[in-house]
Amino acid sequence: MNPSPLGASILHELAEVPSADGMSLPRLGKRLGQGVSALMRELSLMGDAVIGGVPGPGWVKVVRMDDRWLAHLTPAGRTQVESFPHHE
């Protein structure tokens, strides 16, 4: 499975921050020029949720800490990013 263009952009952005920190959804949206609802749709497809009977790839996880939603890259997500062609 390959991510959509937005999904690939999300994975690249999350790969730039320490995994333990994650990135808040508003910050991620601002960096990508996307609304939080668009990000949540894409993140749900890249998580481990079962959608239509098919489990997701588990590349990201979204957690709520206090009143903030944070997106984190999982080890599987980091492997996916490392498999992307490198652009100079």
N, C-alpha and C. Protein backbone atom coordinates (compact mmCIF):
# COMPACT_ATOMS: atom_id res chain seq x y z
N MET A 1 0.84 -1.18 0.00
CA MET A 1 0.00 0.00 0.00
C MET A 1 0.88 1.24 0.00
N ASN A 2 0.55 2.18 -0.85
CA ASN A 2 1.25 3.45 -0.89
C ASN A 2 0.32 4.55 -0.41
N PRO A 3 0.85 5.54 0.29
CA PRO A 3 0.00 6.63 0.76
C PRO A 3 -0.38 7.56 -0.38
N SER A 4 -1.45 8.30 -0.19
CA SER A 4 -1.86 9.34 -1.13
C SER A 4 -0.80 10.44 -1.08
N PRO A 5 -0.85 11.41 -1.99
CA PRO A 5 0.09 12.53 -1.91
C PRO A 5 0.00 13.26 -0.56
N LEU A 6 -1.21 13.48 -0.05
CA LEU A 6 -1.34 14.12 1.26
C LEU A 6 -0.77 13.21 2.35
N GLY A 7 -1.05 11.92 2.26
CA GLY A 7 -0.52 10.98 3.23
C GLY A 7 1.00 10.97 3.25
N ALA A 8 1.62 11.01 2.07
CA ALA A 8 3.08 11.04 1.99
C ALA A 8 3.62 12.32 2.62
N SER A 9 2.93 13.44 2.39
CA SER A 9 3.36 14.71 2.99
C SER A 9 3.26 14.66 4.51
N ILE A 10 2.19 14.07 5.01
CA ILE A 10 2.03 13.92 6.46
C ILE A 10 3.17 13.07 7.03
N LEU A 11 3.46 11.95 6.39
CA LEU A 11 4.53 11.08 6.87
C LEU A 11 5.87 11.80 6.88
N HIS A 12 6.15 12.57 5.82
CA HIS A 12 7.41 13.33 5.77
C HIS A 12 7.49 14.34 6.91
N GLU A 13 6.41 15.06 7.15
CA GLU A 13 6.41 16.05 8.23
C GLU A 13 6.62 15.39 9.60
N LEU A 14 5.93 14.29 9.84
CA LEU A 14 6.06 13.60 11.12
C LEU A 14 7.45 12.99 11.30
N ALA A 15 8.10 12.64 10.20
CA ALA A 15 9.45 12.07 10.28
C ALA A 15 10.47 13.11 10.73
N GLU A 16 10.12 14.39 10.62
CA GLU A 16 11.04 15.46 11.00
C GLU A 16 11.04 15.77 12.49
N VAL A 17 10.10 15.22 13.24
CA VAL A 17 10.03 15.51 14.68
C VAL A 17 10.32 14.22 15.47
N PRO A 18 10.85 14.36 16.68
CA PRO A 18 11.07 13.15 17.49
C PRO A 18 9.76 12.39 17.70
N SER A 19 9.82 11.08 17.56
CA SER A 19 8.61 10.25 17.66
C SER A 19 7.86 10.46 18.97
N ALA A 20 8.61 10.64 20.06
CA ALA A 20 7.96 10.79 21.36
C ALA A 20 7.16 12.08 21.45
N ASP A 21 7.59 13.11 20.71
CA ASP A 21 6.91 14.40 20.77
C ASP A 21 5.65 14.45 19.92
N GLY A 22 5.70 13.89 18.74
CA GLY A 22 4.59 14.00 17.82
C GLY A 22 4.43 15.44 17.37
N MET A 23 3.34 15.71 16.66
CA MET A 23 3.05 17.06 16.19
C MET A 23 1.56 17.31 16.36
N SER A 24 1.22 18.49 16.87
CA SER A 24 -0.19 18.81 17.05
C SER A 24 -0.86 18.91 15.68
N LEU A 25 -2.13 18.55 15.63
CA LEU A 25 -2.84 18.59 14.36
C LEU A 25 -2.95 20.00 13.79
N PRO A 26 -3.21 21.04 14.61
CA PRO A 26 -3.22 22.39 14.03
C PRO A 26 -1.87 22.78 13.41
N ARG A 27 -0.78 22.42 14.07
CA ARG A 27 0.54 22.74 13.52
C ARG A 27 0.79 21.98 12.23
N LEU A 28 0.45 20.70 12.21
CA LEU A 28 0.61 19.89 11.01
C LEU A 28 -0.22 20.46 9.87
N GLY A 29 -1.46 20.84 10.17
CA GLY A 29 -2.33 21.43 9.15
C GLY A 29 -1.76 22.72 8.60
N LYS A 30 -1.21 23.55 9.47
CA LYS A 30 -0.63 24.82 9.03
C LYS A 30 0.58 24.56 8.12
N ARG A 31 1.40 23.61 8.48
CA ARG A 31 2.59 23.31 7.68
C ARG A 31 2.22 22.76 6.31
N LEU A 32 1.09 22.05 6.23
CA LEU A 32 0.68 21.43 4.96
C LEU A 32 -0.40 22.20 4.23
N GLY A 33 -0.91 23.26 4.84
CA GLY A 33 -1.97 24.04 4.20
C GLY A 33 -3.29 23.28 4.14
N GLN A 34 -3.56 22.48 5.16
CA GLN A 34 -4.76 21.65 5.20
C GLN A 34 -5.52 21.89 6.50
N GLY A 35 -6.83 21.69 6.47
CA GLY A 35 -7.63 21.76 7.67
C GLY A 35 -7.49 20.49 8.50
N VAL A 36 -7.80 20.61 9.77
CA VAL A 36 -7.68 19.46 10.67
C VAL A 36 -8.60 18.32 10.23
N SER A 37 -9.78 18.64 9.72
CA SER A 37 -10.69 17.55 9.31
C SER A 37 -10.10 16.75 8.15
N ALA A 38 -9.43 17.41 7.21
CA ALA A 38 -8.79 16.69 6.10
C ALA A 38 -7.66 15.81 6.64
N LEU A 39 -6.91 16.35 7.60
CA LEU A 39 -5.83 15.56 8.19
C LEU A 39 -6.38 14.34 8.92
N MET A 40 -7.45 14.53 9.69
CA MET A 40 -8.02 13.40 10.44
C MET A 40 -8.50 12.29 9.51
N ARG A 41 -9.11 12.68 8.39
CA ARG A 41 -9.53 11.65 7.42
C ARG A 41 -8.33 10.85 6.92
N GLU A 42 -7.28 11.56 6.57
CA GLU A 42 -6.09 10.88 6.04
C GLU A 42 -5.39 10.07 7.12
N LEU A 43 -5.27 10.63 8.32
CA LEU A 43 -4.62 9.92 9.42
C LEU A 43 -5.38 8.65 9.79
N SER A 44 -6.70 8.70 9.71
CA SER A 44 -7.49 7.51 10.04
C SER A 44 -7.20 6.37 9.05
N LEU A 45 -6.93 6.72 7.80
CA LEU A 45 -6.60 5.69 6.80
C LEU A 45 -5.20 5.12 7.00
N MET A 46 -4.32 5.92 7.61
CA MET A 46 -2.93 5.49 7.80
C MET A 46 -2.67 4.88 9.17
N GLY A 47 -3.66 4.89 10.04
CA GLY A 47 -3.52 4.29 11.36
C GLY A 47 -3.75 2.80 11.30
N ASP A 48 -4.08 2.21 12.45
CA ASP A 48 -4.31 0.76 12.48
C ASP A 48 -5.79 0.39 12.58
N ALA A 49 -6.67 1.38 12.41
CA ALA A 49 -8.11 1.10 12.48
C ALA A 49 -8.54 0.19 11.33
N VAL A 50 -9.55 -0.62 11.60
CA VAL A 50 -10.11 -1.49 10.57
C VAL A 50 -11.23 -0.72 9.88
N ILE A 51 -11.07 -0.49 8.59
CA ILE A 51 -12.05 0.26 7.80
C ILE A 51 -12.50 -0.64 6.66
N GLY A 52 -13.79 -0.90 6.59
CA GLY A 52 -14.31 -1.79 5.55
C GLY A 52 -13.76 -3.20 5.66
N GLY A 53 -13.47 -3.61 6.89
CA GLY A 53 -12.96 -4.96 7.12
C GLY A 53 -11.47 -5.12 6.85
N VAL A 54 -10.81 -4.02 6.50
CA VAL A 54 -9.38 -4.08 6.18
C VAL A 54 -8.61 -3.24 7.21
N PRO A 55 -7.65 -3.85 7.91
CA PRO A 55 -6.87 -3.07 8.87
C PRO A 55 -5.94 -2.09 8.14
N GLY A 56 -5.76 -0.93 8.73
CA GLY A 56 -4.85 0.06 8.18
C GLY A 56 -3.40 -0.36 8.35
N PRO A 57 -2.48 0.35 7.70
CA PRO A 57 -1.07 -0.04 7.74
C PRO A 57 -0.37 0.26 9.05
N GLY A 58 -0.97 1.08 9.91
CA GLY A 58 -0.36 1.37 11.21
C GLY A 58 0.85 2.30 11.13
N TRP A 59 0.85 3.21 10.16
CA TRP A 59 1.98 4.12 9.99
C TRP A 59 1.97 5.26 10.99
N VAL A 60 0.79 5.62 11.48
CA VAL A 60 0.67 6.74 12.41
C VAL A 60 -0.26 6.37 13.55
N LYS A 61 -0.16 7.13 14.64
CA LYS A 61 -1.16 7.03 15.70
C LYS A 61 -1.49 8.46 16.12
N VAL A 62 -2.73 8.66 16.50
CA VAL A 62 -3.18 9.97 16.96
C VAL A 62 -3.64 9.79 18.40
N VAL A 63 -3.11 10.62 19.27
CA VAL A 63 -3.44 10.54 20.68
C VAL A 63 -3.88 11.91 21.18
N ARG A 64 -4.71 11.88 22.21
CA ARG A 64 -5.14 13.11 22.83
C ARG A 64 -4.39 13.27 24.14
N MET A 65 -3.71 14.39 24.28
CA MET A 65 -3.00 14.71 25.52
C MET A 65 -3.59 16.00 26.05
N ASP A 66 -4.27 15.89 27.18
CA ASP A 66 -5.01 17.02 27.73
C ASP A 66 -6.02 17.51 26.69
N ASP A 67 -5.86 18.71 26.19
CA ASP A 67 -6.82 19.22 25.21
C ASP A 67 -6.23 19.29 23.80
N ARG A 68 -5.10 18.60 23.57
CA ARG A 68 -4.43 18.64 22.26
C ARG A 68 -4.44 17.26 21.62
N TRP A 69 -4.66 17.24 20.30
CA TRP A 69 -4.53 16.02 19.52
C TRP A 69 -3.15 16.03 18.87
N LEU A 70 -2.39 14.95 19.05
CA LEU A 70 -1.04 14.84 18.51
C LEU A 70 -0.95 13.65 17.57
N ALA A 71 -0.28 13.85 16.45
CA ALA A 71 0.00 12.76 15.51
C ALA A 71 1.43 12.30 15.70
N HIS A 72 1.62 10.99 15.74
CA HIS A 72 2.94 10.38 15.92
C HIS A 72 3.21 9.41 14.78
N LEU A 73 4.44 9.37 14.34
CA LEU A 73 4.88 8.38 13.36
C LEU A 73 5.25 7.11 14.11
N THR A 74 4.77 5.97 13.67
CA THR A 74 5.12 4.69 14.29
C THR A 74 6.38 4.14 13.63
N PRO A 75 6.97 3.10 14.20
CA PRO A 75 8.12 2.47 13.52
C PRO A 75 7.77 2.01 12.09
N ALA A 76 6.56 1.50 11.90
CA ALA A 76 6.15 1.10 10.54
C ALA A 76 6.07 2.32 9.62
N GLY A 77 5.64 3.44 10.15
CA GLY A 77 5.59 4.67 9.37
C GLY A 77 6.98 5.17 9.01
N ARG A 78 7.90 5.07 9.95
CA ARG A 78 9.28 5.48 9.67
C ARG A 78 9.88 4.60 8.57
N THR A 79 9.61 3.31 8.62
CA THR A 79 10.08 2.41 7.57
C THR A 79 9.49 2.81 6.22
N GLN A 80 8.22 3.18 6.22
CA GLN A 80 7.56 3.60 4.98
C GLN A 80 8.24 4.86 4.43
N VAL A 81 8.50 5.84 5.29
CA VAL A 81 9.15 7.08 4.84
C VAL A 81 10.53 6.78 4.27
N GLU A 82 11.26 5.89 4.93
CA GLU A 82 12.61 5.55 4.45
C GLU A 82 12.58 4.85 3.10
N SER A 83 11.45 4.27 2.73
CA SER A 83 11.35 3.60 1.43
C SER A 83 11.01 4.56 0.29
N PHE A 84 10.64 5.81 0.63
CA PHE A 84 10.31 6.80 -0.41
C PHE A 84 11.58 7.19 -1.17
N PRO A 85 11.42 7.51 -2.46
CA PRO A 85 12.58 8.05 -3.19
C PRO A 85 13.01 9.38 -2.55
N HIS A 86 14.29 9.63 -2.51
CA HIS A 86 14.80 10.87 -1.91
C HIS A 86 14.84 11.95 -2.97
N HIS A 87 14.35 13.13 -2.57
CA HIS A 87 14.38 14.28 -3.47
C HIS A 87 15.42 15.26 -2.96
N GLU A 88 16.22 15.77 -3.84
CA GLU A 88 17.23 16.77 -3.46
C GLU A 88 16.69 18.15 -3.72
